[in-house]
N, C-alpha and C. Protein backbone atom coordinates (compact mmCIF):
# COMPACT_ATOMS: atom_id res chain seq x y z
N MET A 1 2.17 24.67 -36.83
CA MET A 1 0.93 23.90 -36.90
C MET A 1 0.75 23.22 -38.25
N LYS A 2 1.63 23.53 -39.23
CA LYS A 2 1.50 22.95 -40.56
C LYS A 2 1.67 21.43 -40.51
N TRP A 3 2.61 20.97 -39.66
CA TRP A 3 2.84 19.53 -39.56
C TRP A 3 1.61 18.81 -39.00
N PHE A 4 0.91 19.51 -38.06
CA PHE A 4 -0.28 18.90 -37.46
C PHE A 4 -1.39 18.78 -38.50
N LYS A 5 -1.55 19.81 -39.33
CA LYS A 5 -2.57 19.77 -40.38
C LYS A 5 -2.28 18.67 -41.38
N SER A 6 -0.98 18.50 -41.70
CA SER A 6 -0.59 17.44 -42.64
C SER A 6 -0.89 16.07 -42.05
N LEU A 7 -0.58 15.91 -40.76
CA LEU A 7 -0.84 14.63 -40.10
C LEU A 7 -2.33 14.36 -40.01
N TRP A 8 -3.10 15.39 -39.67
CA TRP A 8 -4.55 15.24 -39.58
C TRP A 8 -5.15 14.90 -40.94
N GLY A 9 -4.64 15.53 -41.97
CA GLY A 9 -5.12 15.24 -43.32
C GLY A 9 -4.80 13.82 -43.75
N PHE A 10 -3.64 13.31 -43.31
CA PHE A 10 -3.24 11.93 -43.64
C PHE A 10 -4.23 10.92 -43.06
N PHE A 11 -4.68 11.19 -41.83
CA PHE A 11 -5.60 10.26 -41.18
C PHE A 11 -7.04 10.46 -41.66
N ARG A 12 -7.38 11.65 -42.12
CA ARG A 12 -8.75 11.90 -42.58
C ARG A 12 -9.01 11.32 -43.95
N ARG A 13 -8.03 11.39 -44.84
CA ARG A 13 -8.23 10.95 -46.23
C ARG A 13 -7.61 9.58 -46.44
N PRO A 14 -8.33 8.67 -47.07
CA PRO A 14 -7.76 7.35 -47.39
C PRO A 14 -6.51 7.51 -48.24
N SER A 15 -5.48 6.78 -47.94
CA SER A 15 -4.23 6.88 -48.69
C SER A 15 -4.36 6.19 -50.04
N THR A 16 -3.82 6.83 -51.06
CA THR A 16 -3.85 6.22 -52.41
C THR A 16 -2.60 5.38 -52.64
N ARG A 17 -1.61 5.51 -51.75
CA ARG A 17 -0.35 4.79 -51.94
C ARG A 17 -0.18 3.64 -50.95
N VAL A 18 -0.79 3.78 -49.75
CA VAL A 18 -0.66 2.73 -48.74
C VAL A 18 -1.98 1.96 -48.65
N PRO A 19 -1.96 0.64 -48.79
CA PRO A 19 -3.19 -0.15 -48.72
C PRO A 19 -3.92 0.07 -47.39
N LEU A 20 -5.25 0.13 -47.46
CA LEU A 20 -6.06 0.35 -46.27
C LEU A 20 -5.84 -0.76 -45.24
N GLY A 21 -5.68 -1.98 -45.72
CA GLY A 21 -5.45 -3.11 -44.82
C GLY A 21 -4.19 -2.94 -44.00
N LEU A 22 -3.13 -2.40 -44.64
CA LEU A 22 -1.87 -2.19 -43.94
C LEU A 22 -2.02 -1.11 -42.87
N LEU A 23 -2.75 -0.04 -43.22
CA LEU A 23 -3.00 1.02 -42.24
C LEU A 23 -3.77 0.48 -41.04
N LEU A 24 -4.76 -0.38 -41.34
CA LEU A 24 -5.56 -0.97 -40.27
C LEU A 24 -4.70 -1.86 -39.38
N LEU A 25 -3.81 -2.65 -40.01
CA LEU A 25 -2.93 -3.53 -39.26
C LEU A 25 -1.99 -2.74 -38.36
N VAL A 26 -1.42 -1.67 -38.91
CA VAL A 26 -0.52 -0.82 -38.12
C VAL A 26 -1.28 -0.21 -36.94
N GLY A 27 -2.52 0.23 -37.21
CA GLY A 27 -3.35 0.81 -36.14
C GLY A 27 -3.62 -0.18 -35.03
N ILE A 28 -3.91 -1.44 -35.42
CA ILE A 28 -4.17 -2.49 -34.42
C ILE A 28 -2.92 -2.76 -33.59
N ILE A 29 -1.77 -2.85 -34.26
CA ILE A 29 -0.52 -3.13 -33.55
C ILE A 29 -0.17 -2.00 -32.58
N VAL A 30 -0.31 -0.75 -33.05
CA VAL A 30 -0.02 0.40 -32.19
C VAL A 30 -0.99 0.44 -31.01
N GLY A 31 -2.28 0.21 -31.30
CA GLY A 31 -3.29 0.22 -30.24
C GLY A 31 -3.04 -0.87 -29.21
N ALA A 32 -2.73 -2.08 -29.70
CA ALA A 32 -2.47 -3.20 -28.78
C ALA A 32 -1.22 -2.94 -27.95
N GLY A 33 -0.18 -2.39 -28.60
CA GLY A 33 1.05 -2.07 -27.88
C GLY A 33 0.81 -1.03 -26.80
N GLY A 34 0.00 -0.02 -27.13
CA GLY A 34 -0.32 1.01 -26.15
C GLY A 34 -1.11 0.45 -24.97
N TRP A 35 -2.06 -0.45 -25.28
CA TRP A 35 -2.88 -1.05 -24.22
C TRP A 35 -2.04 -1.94 -23.30
N ILE A 36 -1.15 -2.73 -23.91
CA ILE A 36 -0.27 -3.60 -23.12
C ILE A 36 0.66 -2.76 -22.23
N GLY A 37 1.20 -1.69 -22.82
CA GLY A 37 2.08 -0.81 -22.04
C GLY A 37 1.34 -0.14 -20.90
N PHE A 38 0.10 0.30 -21.17
CA PHE A 38 -0.72 0.95 -20.15
C PHE A 38 -1.00 0.00 -18.99
N ASN A 39 -1.41 -1.23 -19.33
CA ASN A 39 -1.71 -2.21 -18.28
C ASN A 39 -0.45 -2.65 -17.53
N GLY A 40 0.68 -2.69 -18.25
CA GLY A 40 1.94 -3.01 -17.58
C GLY A 40 2.30 -1.96 -16.55
N ALA A 41 2.10 -0.69 -16.93
CA ALA A 41 2.38 0.40 -15.99
C ALA A 41 1.44 0.35 -14.79
N LEU A 42 0.16 0.02 -15.06
CA LEU A 42 -0.80 -0.10 -13.96
C LEU A 42 -0.38 -1.21 -13.00
N GLY A 43 0.11 -2.32 -13.58
CA GLY A 43 0.56 -3.44 -12.76
C GLY A 43 1.70 -3.04 -11.85
N LEU A 44 2.60 -2.23 -12.36
CA LEU A 44 3.74 -1.78 -11.54
C LEU A 44 3.27 -0.91 -10.37
N THR A 45 2.22 -0.11 -10.61
CA THR A 45 1.72 0.74 -9.53
C THR A 45 0.94 -0.04 -8.48
N ASN A 46 0.71 -1.33 -8.73
CA ASN A 46 0.02 -2.18 -7.75
C ASN A 46 0.98 -2.94 -6.83
N THR A 47 2.27 -2.81 -7.07
CA THR A 47 3.24 -3.55 -6.26
C THR A 47 3.48 -2.86 -4.92
N ASN A 48 3.81 -3.65 -3.91
CA ASN A 48 4.13 -3.07 -2.60
C ASN A 48 5.31 -2.12 -2.69
N GLU A 49 6.28 -2.47 -3.54
CA GLU A 49 7.48 -1.63 -3.69
C GLU A 49 7.11 -0.23 -4.16
N PHE A 50 6.16 -0.15 -5.09
CA PHE A 50 5.72 1.15 -5.58
C PHE A 50 4.98 1.91 -4.48
N CYS A 51 4.11 1.19 -3.77
CA CYS A 51 3.29 1.84 -2.74
C CYS A 51 4.14 2.46 -1.64
N ILE A 52 5.23 1.80 -1.26
CA ILE A 52 6.03 2.29 -0.13
C ILE A 52 7.20 3.17 -0.59
N SER A 53 7.22 3.53 -1.87
CA SER A 53 8.32 4.35 -2.38
C SER A 53 8.26 5.78 -1.83
N CYS A 54 7.10 6.20 -1.33
CA CYS A 54 7.00 7.50 -0.68
C CYS A 54 7.45 7.37 0.77
N HIS A 55 8.18 8.35 1.25
CA HIS A 55 8.78 8.31 2.59
C HIS A 55 7.75 8.03 3.68
N GLU A 56 6.58 8.69 3.58
CA GLU A 56 5.60 8.58 4.67
C GLU A 56 4.91 7.22 4.73
N MET A 57 5.15 6.35 3.75
CA MET A 57 4.57 5.01 3.78
C MET A 57 5.40 4.04 4.62
N GLU A 58 6.55 4.48 5.09
CA GLU A 58 7.39 3.61 5.93
C GLU A 58 6.64 3.13 7.16
N TRP A 59 5.90 4.03 7.80
CA TRP A 59 5.26 3.70 9.08
C TRP A 59 4.08 2.75 8.91
N PRO A 60 3.16 2.99 7.98
CA PRO A 60 2.09 2.00 7.81
C PRO A 60 2.60 0.66 7.30
N TYR A 61 3.71 0.69 6.54
CA TYR A 61 4.27 -0.57 6.03
C TYR A 61 4.84 -1.41 7.17
N GLU A 62 5.46 -0.75 8.14
CA GLU A 62 5.99 -1.47 9.31
C GLU A 62 4.86 -2.14 10.09
N GLU A 63 3.73 -1.44 10.20
CA GLU A 63 2.57 -2.01 10.88
C GLU A 63 2.02 -3.20 10.11
N TYR A 64 1.94 -3.05 8.81
CA TYR A 64 1.45 -4.12 7.94
C TYR A 64 2.31 -5.38 8.07
N GLN A 65 3.63 -5.20 8.21
CA GLN A 65 4.53 -6.35 8.34
C GLN A 65 4.32 -7.12 9.63
N GLN A 66 3.67 -6.50 10.60
CA GLN A 66 3.37 -7.17 11.87
C GLN A 66 1.96 -7.76 11.88
N SER A 67 1.25 -7.63 10.77
CA SER A 67 -0.15 -8.06 10.73
C SER A 67 -0.31 -9.47 10.17
N ILE A 68 -1.49 -10.03 10.36
CA ILE A 68 -1.79 -11.37 9.86
C ILE A 68 -1.93 -11.39 8.34
N HIS A 69 -2.12 -10.23 7.75
CA HIS A 69 -2.19 -10.17 6.29
C HIS A 69 -0.80 -10.29 5.65
N TYR A 70 0.24 -10.10 6.45
CA TYR A 70 1.61 -10.21 5.94
C TYR A 70 2.20 -11.59 6.22
N THR A 71 2.05 -12.05 7.45
CA THR A 71 2.56 -13.37 7.84
C THR A 71 1.46 -14.14 8.58
N ASN A 72 1.21 -15.38 8.14
CA ASN A 72 0.17 -16.19 8.77
C ASN A 72 0.46 -17.67 8.54
N ARG A 73 -0.29 -18.54 9.18
CA ARG A 73 -0.02 -19.97 9.13
C ARG A 73 -0.24 -20.58 7.75
N THR A 74 -1.08 -19.95 6.91
CA THR A 74 -1.37 -20.51 5.58
C THR A 74 -0.41 -20.01 4.50
N GLY A 75 0.36 -18.97 4.80
CA GLY A 75 1.32 -18.45 3.83
C GLY A 75 0.70 -17.61 2.73
N VAL A 76 -0.54 -17.17 2.92
CA VAL A 76 -1.21 -16.31 1.94
C VAL A 76 -1.00 -14.86 2.35
N ARG A 77 -0.42 -14.06 1.47
CA ARG A 77 -0.12 -12.66 1.80
C ARG A 77 -0.97 -11.72 0.94
N ALA A 78 -1.63 -10.79 1.61
CA ALA A 78 -2.39 -9.75 0.91
C ALA A 78 -1.51 -8.51 0.79
N GLY A 79 -1.31 -8.03 -0.43
CA GLY A 79 -0.50 -6.84 -0.65
C GLY A 79 -1.32 -5.57 -0.53
N CYS A 80 -0.66 -4.44 -0.64
CA CYS A 80 -1.34 -3.14 -0.53
C CYS A 80 -2.53 -3.04 -1.48
N ALA A 81 -2.30 -3.40 -2.75
CA ALA A 81 -3.35 -3.26 -3.76
C ALA A 81 -4.52 -4.19 -3.52
N ASP A 82 -4.29 -5.33 -2.88
CA ASP A 82 -5.39 -6.26 -2.62
C ASP A 82 -6.47 -5.63 -1.75
N CYS A 83 -6.07 -4.73 -0.87
CA CYS A 83 -7.03 -4.08 0.02
C CYS A 83 -7.43 -2.69 -0.45
N HIS A 84 -6.55 -2.02 -1.19
CA HIS A 84 -6.79 -0.61 -1.51
C HIS A 84 -7.14 -0.33 -2.97
N VAL A 85 -7.06 -1.34 -3.84
CA VAL A 85 -7.35 -1.12 -5.27
C VAL A 85 -8.40 -2.12 -5.74
N PRO A 86 -9.53 -1.65 -6.29
CA PRO A 86 -10.55 -2.57 -6.81
C PRO A 86 -10.00 -3.44 -7.93
N GLN A 87 -10.51 -4.67 -8.02
CA GLN A 87 -10.10 -5.57 -9.10
C GLN A 87 -10.85 -5.21 -10.38
N ALA A 88 -10.13 -5.20 -11.49
CA ALA A 88 -10.73 -4.85 -12.78
C ALA A 88 -11.26 -6.09 -13.48
N ASN A 89 -12.17 -6.82 -12.81
CA ASN A 89 -12.72 -8.04 -13.40
C ASN A 89 -14.07 -7.81 -14.06
N SER A 90 -14.44 -6.55 -14.24
CA SER A 90 -15.65 -6.17 -14.95
C SER A 90 -15.46 -4.74 -15.44
N VAL A 91 -16.38 -4.27 -16.29
CA VAL A 91 -16.27 -2.89 -16.78
C VAL A 91 -16.36 -1.92 -15.60
N LYS A 92 -17.33 -2.15 -14.71
CA LYS A 92 -17.45 -1.29 -13.53
C LYS A 92 -16.20 -1.38 -12.66
N GLY A 93 -15.68 -2.61 -12.51
CA GLY A 93 -14.47 -2.79 -11.71
C GLY A 93 -13.29 -2.03 -12.29
N TRP A 94 -13.21 -2.00 -13.64
CA TRP A 94 -12.11 -1.29 -14.29
C TRP A 94 -12.21 0.21 -14.01
N PHE A 95 -13.43 0.76 -14.12
CA PHE A 95 -13.60 2.19 -13.86
C PHE A 95 -13.37 2.50 -12.38
N ASP A 96 -13.79 1.59 -11.50
CA ASP A 96 -13.53 1.78 -10.06
C ASP A 96 -12.02 1.79 -9.79
N LYS A 97 -11.31 0.93 -10.50
CA LYS A 97 -9.86 0.88 -10.35
C LYS A 97 -9.22 2.18 -10.81
N MET A 98 -9.69 2.72 -11.94
CA MET A 98 -9.15 3.99 -12.44
C MET A 98 -9.44 5.12 -11.45
N LYS A 99 -10.64 5.12 -10.87
CA LYS A 99 -10.97 6.15 -9.88
C LYS A 99 -10.06 6.05 -8.66
N ALA A 100 -9.79 4.82 -8.24
CA ALA A 100 -8.90 4.63 -7.09
C ALA A 100 -7.50 5.13 -7.40
N LYS A 101 -7.04 4.89 -8.62
CA LYS A 101 -5.70 5.36 -9.01
C LYS A 101 -5.64 6.88 -9.02
N MET A 102 -6.69 7.51 -9.55
CA MET A 102 -6.72 8.97 -9.60
C MET A 102 -6.80 9.56 -8.19
N TRP A 103 -7.58 8.92 -7.32
CA TRP A 103 -7.69 9.37 -5.93
C TRP A 103 -6.35 9.24 -5.22
N ALA A 104 -5.63 8.17 -5.54
CA ALA A 104 -4.33 7.94 -4.90
C ALA A 104 -3.27 8.93 -5.37
N ALA A 105 -3.52 9.60 -6.51
CA ALA A 105 -2.54 10.56 -7.02
C ALA A 105 -2.31 11.71 -6.04
N LYS A 106 -3.29 11.93 -5.16
CA LYS A 106 -3.15 13.01 -4.17
C LYS A 106 -1.99 12.73 -3.22
N ASP A 107 -1.63 11.45 -3.08
CA ASP A 107 -0.52 11.10 -2.18
C ASP A 107 0.79 11.72 -2.68
N THR A 108 0.94 11.76 -4.01
CA THR A 108 2.13 12.39 -4.59
C THR A 108 2.17 13.87 -4.24
N TYR A 109 1.00 14.50 -4.33
CA TYR A 109 0.86 15.92 -4.01
C TYR A 109 1.28 16.18 -2.56
N HIS A 110 0.79 15.34 -1.64
CA HIS A 110 1.12 15.52 -0.23
C HIS A 110 2.58 15.20 0.06
N THR A 111 3.15 14.27 -0.71
CA THR A 111 4.58 13.96 -0.55
C THR A 111 5.43 15.17 -0.92
N ILE A 112 5.06 15.82 -2.02
CA ILE A 112 5.79 17.01 -2.47
C ILE A 112 5.68 18.13 -1.44
N LEU A 113 4.48 18.30 -0.88
CA LEU A 113 4.27 19.36 0.11
C LEU A 113 4.88 19.03 1.47
N GLY A 114 5.14 17.74 1.70
CA GLY A 114 5.66 17.33 3.00
C GLY A 114 4.60 17.31 4.08
N THR A 115 3.34 17.04 3.67
CA THR A 115 2.22 17.05 4.62
C THR A 115 2.42 16.06 5.76
N TYR A 116 2.97 14.88 5.43
CA TYR A 116 3.16 13.83 6.45
C TYR A 116 4.61 13.36 6.47
N ASP A 117 5.55 14.28 6.37
CA ASP A 117 6.96 13.87 6.24
C ASP A 117 7.64 13.54 7.57
N THR A 118 6.91 13.65 8.67
CA THR A 118 7.44 13.21 9.96
C THR A 118 6.43 12.28 10.62
N LYS A 119 6.90 11.47 11.54
CA LYS A 119 6.00 10.54 12.24
C LYS A 119 4.92 11.31 13.00
N GLU A 120 5.28 12.45 13.55
CA GLU A 120 4.33 13.25 14.31
C GLU A 120 3.20 13.77 13.41
N LYS A 121 3.57 14.26 12.24
CA LYS A 121 2.57 14.75 11.29
C LYS A 121 1.67 13.61 10.82
N TYR A 122 2.29 12.45 10.59
CA TYR A 122 1.52 11.30 10.12
C TYR A 122 0.49 10.88 11.17
N GLU A 123 0.92 10.82 12.43
CA GLU A 123 0.01 10.42 13.50
C GLU A 123 -1.11 11.43 13.68
N ALA A 124 -0.79 12.71 13.48
CA ALA A 124 -1.80 13.76 13.62
C ALA A 124 -2.88 13.63 12.55
N GLY A 125 -2.50 13.14 11.37
CA GLY A 125 -3.47 13.00 10.28
C GLY A 125 -4.05 11.61 10.14
N ARG A 126 -3.62 10.69 11.00
CA ARG A 126 -4.02 9.28 10.85
C ARG A 126 -5.54 9.09 10.95
N TRP A 127 -6.18 9.73 11.92
CA TRP A 127 -7.62 9.55 12.11
C TRP A 127 -8.40 9.95 10.86
N GLU A 128 -8.06 11.09 10.29
CA GLU A 128 -8.74 11.58 9.09
C GLU A 128 -8.48 10.65 7.90
N MET A 129 -7.23 10.23 7.72
CA MET A 129 -6.89 9.34 6.61
C MET A 129 -7.60 7.99 6.74
N ALA A 130 -7.59 7.44 7.95
CA ALA A 130 -8.22 6.14 8.18
C ALA A 130 -9.72 6.20 7.90
N ASN A 131 -10.36 7.26 8.36
CA ASN A 131 -11.80 7.38 8.15
C ASN A 131 -12.16 7.52 6.68
N ALA A 132 -11.31 8.19 5.91
CA ALA A 132 -11.55 8.32 4.48
C ALA A 132 -11.50 6.95 3.80
N VAL A 133 -10.53 6.12 4.19
CA VAL A 133 -10.41 4.77 3.63
C VAL A 133 -11.57 3.89 4.09
N TRP A 134 -11.92 3.97 5.36
CA TRP A 134 -13.03 3.16 5.88
C TRP A 134 -14.34 3.50 5.16
N ALA A 135 -14.56 4.79 4.91
CA ALA A 135 -15.79 5.21 4.24
C ALA A 135 -15.86 4.65 2.82
N LYS A 136 -14.73 4.66 2.13
CA LYS A 136 -14.70 4.11 0.77
C LYS A 136 -14.93 2.60 0.79
N MET A 137 -14.34 1.91 1.75
CA MET A 137 -14.53 0.46 1.85
C MET A 137 -15.98 0.12 2.18
N LYS A 138 -16.59 0.89 3.06
CA LYS A 138 -17.98 0.64 3.43
C LYS A 138 -18.90 0.91 2.24
N ALA A 139 -18.61 1.96 1.47
CA ALA A 139 -19.42 2.28 0.29
C ALA A 139 -19.37 1.16 -0.75
N ARG A 140 -18.26 0.43 -0.78
CA ARG A 140 -18.10 -0.69 -1.71
C ARG A 140 -18.47 -2.03 -1.06
N ASP A 141 -19.13 -1.97 0.11
CA ASP A 141 -19.54 -3.17 0.83
C ASP A 141 -18.34 -4.09 1.08
N SER A 142 -17.22 -3.49 1.41
CA SER A 142 -15.98 -4.23 1.73
C SER A 142 -15.61 -5.22 0.62
N GLN A 143 -15.80 -4.81 -0.63
CA GLN A 143 -15.58 -5.72 -1.75
C GLN A 143 -14.15 -6.27 -1.78
N GLU A 144 -13.18 -5.43 -1.43
CA GLU A 144 -11.80 -5.90 -1.45
C GLU A 144 -11.57 -6.99 -0.40
N CYS A 145 -12.29 -6.92 0.72
CA CYS A 145 -12.22 -8.00 1.72
C CYS A 145 -12.88 -9.26 1.16
N ARG A 146 -14.02 -9.06 0.51
CA ARG A 146 -14.82 -10.18 0.01
C ARG A 146 -14.18 -10.89 -1.18
N ASN A 147 -13.18 -10.26 -1.78
CA ASN A 147 -12.46 -10.96 -2.85
C ASN A 147 -11.75 -12.20 -2.31
N CYS A 148 -11.43 -12.18 -1.02
CA CYS A 148 -10.77 -13.33 -0.39
C CYS A 148 -11.67 -14.03 0.64
N HIS A 149 -12.51 -13.27 1.32
CA HIS A 149 -13.34 -13.82 2.40
C HIS A 149 -14.81 -13.71 2.03
N ASN A 150 -15.60 -14.74 2.30
CA ASN A 150 -17.05 -14.61 2.17
C ASN A 150 -17.74 -15.52 3.18
N PHE A 151 -18.90 -15.06 3.62
CA PHE A 151 -19.62 -15.78 4.67
C PHE A 151 -19.94 -17.22 4.28
N GLU A 152 -20.32 -17.42 3.01
CA GLU A 152 -20.74 -18.75 2.57
C GLU A 152 -19.62 -19.78 2.68
N ALA A 153 -18.38 -19.34 2.58
CA ALA A 153 -17.25 -20.27 2.62
C ALA A 153 -16.72 -20.49 4.04
N MET A 154 -17.29 -19.78 5.00
CA MET A 154 -16.79 -19.88 6.37
C MET A 154 -17.34 -21.12 7.08
N ASN A 155 -16.49 -21.79 7.81
CA ASN A 155 -16.91 -22.89 8.68
C ASN A 155 -17.04 -22.31 10.09
N PHE A 156 -18.25 -21.95 10.46
CA PHE A 156 -18.48 -21.28 11.73
C PHE A 156 -18.05 -22.14 12.92
N GLU A 157 -18.08 -23.45 12.76
CA GLU A 157 -17.72 -24.34 13.88
C GLU A 157 -16.25 -24.21 14.27
N GLU A 158 -15.42 -23.73 13.35
CA GLU A 158 -14.00 -23.55 13.64
C GLU A 158 -13.69 -22.16 14.18
N GLN A 159 -14.72 -21.32 14.31
CA GLN A 159 -14.54 -19.97 14.84
C GLN A 159 -14.91 -19.95 16.32
N ASP A 160 -14.36 -18.97 17.04
CA ASP A 160 -14.76 -18.86 18.45
C ASP A 160 -16.20 -18.32 18.52
N ARG A 161 -16.77 -18.35 19.70
CA ARG A 161 -18.19 -18.02 19.85
C ARG A 161 -18.51 -16.59 19.42
N MET A 162 -17.62 -15.67 19.76
CA MET A 162 -17.86 -14.27 19.40
C MET A 162 -17.88 -14.10 17.88
N ALA A 163 -16.91 -14.72 17.19
CA ALA A 163 -16.85 -14.62 15.73
C ALA A 163 -18.08 -15.26 15.10
N GLN A 164 -18.49 -16.42 15.62
CA GLN A 164 -19.69 -17.08 15.11
C GLN A 164 -20.90 -16.16 15.23
N ARG A 165 -21.05 -15.58 16.41
CA ARG A 165 -22.21 -14.73 16.68
C ARG A 165 -22.22 -13.49 15.78
N ARG A 166 -21.07 -12.86 15.66
CA ARG A 166 -21.00 -11.62 14.87
C ARG A 166 -21.15 -11.88 13.37
N HIS A 167 -20.54 -12.96 12.88
CA HIS A 167 -20.66 -13.27 11.46
C HIS A 167 -22.09 -13.68 11.11
N SER A 168 -22.73 -14.43 11.99
CA SER A 168 -24.12 -14.83 11.75
C SER A 168 -25.03 -13.61 11.72
N LYS A 169 -24.79 -12.68 12.64
CA LYS A 169 -25.59 -11.46 12.68
C LYS A 169 -25.36 -10.61 11.43
N ALA A 170 -24.09 -10.51 11.01
CA ALA A 170 -23.76 -9.72 9.82
C ALA A 170 -24.44 -10.29 8.57
N MET A 171 -24.50 -11.61 8.47
CA MET A 171 -25.16 -12.24 7.33
C MET A 171 -26.64 -11.89 7.29
N LYS A 172 -27.27 -11.85 8.46
CA LYS A 172 -28.71 -11.59 8.53
C LYS A 172 -29.05 -10.11 8.36
N THR A 173 -28.18 -9.25 8.87
CA THR A 173 -28.49 -7.81 8.86
C THR A 173 -27.82 -7.05 7.71
N GLY A 174 -27.00 -7.74 6.93
CA GLY A 174 -26.31 -7.05 5.83
C GLY A 174 -25.10 -6.27 6.29
N GLY A 175 -24.53 -6.67 7.40
CA GLY A 175 -23.32 -6.01 7.88
C GLY A 175 -22.16 -6.22 6.93
N THR A 176 -21.19 -5.33 6.99
CA THR A 176 -20.05 -5.44 6.09
C THR A 176 -18.75 -5.53 6.89
N CYS A 177 -17.74 -6.13 6.32
CA CYS A 177 -16.49 -6.47 7.03
C CYS A 177 -15.90 -5.29 7.81
N ILE A 178 -15.84 -4.13 7.16
CA ILE A 178 -15.13 -3.00 7.76
C ILE A 178 -15.86 -2.45 8.98
N ASP A 179 -17.12 -2.84 9.18
CA ASP A 179 -17.84 -2.41 10.38
C ASP A 179 -17.12 -2.88 11.64
N CYS A 180 -16.55 -4.09 11.59
CA CYS A 180 -15.90 -4.68 12.77
C CYS A 180 -14.38 -4.79 12.63
N HIS A 181 -13.91 -4.97 11.40
CA HIS A 181 -12.50 -5.31 11.20
C HIS A 181 -11.62 -4.11 10.83
N LYS A 182 -11.71 -3.06 11.61
CA LYS A 182 -10.78 -1.94 11.45
C LYS A 182 -9.49 -2.29 12.20
N GLY A 183 -8.39 -1.74 11.74
CA GLY A 183 -7.13 -1.98 12.43
C GLY A 183 -6.57 -3.37 12.21
N ILE A 184 -6.91 -4.00 11.09
CA ILE A 184 -6.41 -5.34 10.79
C ILE A 184 -4.97 -5.29 10.26
N ALA A 185 -4.72 -4.41 9.30
CA ALA A 185 -3.38 -4.33 8.70
C ALA A 185 -2.58 -3.14 9.21
N HIS A 186 -3.27 -2.15 9.76
CA HIS A 186 -2.61 -0.95 10.29
C HIS A 186 -3.19 -0.61 11.65
N LYS A 187 -2.41 0.07 12.44
CA LYS A 187 -2.86 0.46 13.78
C LYS A 187 -4.12 1.30 13.70
N GLU A 188 -5.11 0.92 14.50
CA GLU A 188 -6.35 1.70 14.52
C GLU A 188 -6.14 2.98 15.31
N PRO A 189 -6.40 4.14 14.70
CA PRO A 189 -6.13 5.40 15.39
C PRO A 189 -7.17 5.69 16.47
N GLU A 190 -6.77 6.47 17.44
CA GLU A 190 -7.69 6.90 18.49
C GLU A 190 -8.46 8.12 18.00
N GLU A 191 -9.74 8.13 18.31
CA GLU A 191 -10.56 9.27 17.91
C GLU A 191 -10.13 10.51 18.68
N PRO A 192 -9.86 11.61 17.98
CA PRO A 192 -9.40 12.82 18.67
C PRO A 192 -10.50 13.39 19.55
N GLU A 193 -10.10 14.05 20.61
CA GLU A 193 -11.07 14.66 21.53
C GLU A 193 -11.72 15.88 20.89
N GLU A 194 -12.99 16.09 21.23
CA GLU A 194 -13.69 17.29 20.80
C GLU A 194 -13.14 18.48 21.60
N PRO A 195 -13.26 19.70 21.04
CA PRO A 195 -12.75 20.89 21.75
C PRO A 195 -13.29 21.01 23.17
N GLU A 196 -14.60 20.65 23.37
CA GLU A 196 -15.19 20.75 24.70
C GLU A 196 -14.50 19.78 25.67
N GLU A 197 -14.18 18.57 25.17
CA GLU A 197 -13.53 17.57 26.02
C GLU A 197 -12.13 18.02 26.41
N LYS A 198 -11.42 18.64 25.45
CA LYS A 198 -10.08 19.14 25.74
C LYS A 198 -10.12 20.22 26.83
N GLU A 199 -11.13 21.11 26.73
CA GLU A 199 -11.26 22.17 27.72
C GLU A 199 -11.55 21.59 29.10
N ALA A 200 -12.42 20.55 29.13
CA ALA A 200 -12.76 19.92 30.41
C ALA A 200 -11.53 19.25 31.03
N ASP A 201 -10.73 18.58 30.19
CA ASP A 201 -9.51 17.94 30.68
C ASP A 201 -8.54 18.97 31.24
N ALA A 202 -8.43 20.10 30.54
CA ALA A 202 -7.51 21.16 30.97
C ALA A 202 -7.94 21.74 32.31
N GLU A 203 -9.27 21.88 32.50
CA GLU A 203 -9.78 22.43 33.75
C GLU A 203 -9.52 21.48 34.92
N GLU A 204 -9.65 20.15 34.64
CA GLU A 204 -9.42 19.16 35.69
C GLU A 204 -7.97 19.17 36.16
N LYS A 205 -7.06 19.43 35.21
CA LYS A 205 -5.64 19.47 35.54
C LYS A 205 -5.29 20.75 36.30
């Protein structure tokens, strides 16, 4: 611990041999380098390649590749992070992004445990996983959807009647995207039967 005390003493007491300005400059350079490195690492964790590096992400990625968010007539592609990671365009947004990253760390834990290492296990947990994501999106008023889509920019005349009616109602009632648009990028799971329903089905058979 002697080296730590020496280092702590160096930073606590102004140096008589090294100019204060030089120490300040070194501190700024080190701090800036650390910040750039930190943000660079964050950027890497936002790539699709990083997101699908876990084995169990193969199946949702295949679904995403068949969705309109992957291939469409305008050529605009939404990546994993566009829907699942808040944008850090404000102080609150930055903290929301950090919370999302920490929440996503559980995926590593489940990968190590093999919680969803087979298609069967993944399908069994799909309803619970989907509902957790939907709840978070609803709590944020579908902000990740609204980063690209907003009611004010929509030309209702180019939408079919059902879309016109639902979007108009959502604008008036404060509805949010995820209320209607589940299963856009991934297969919408079927709600599991309640124990009573399973028993009734078994009796009928």
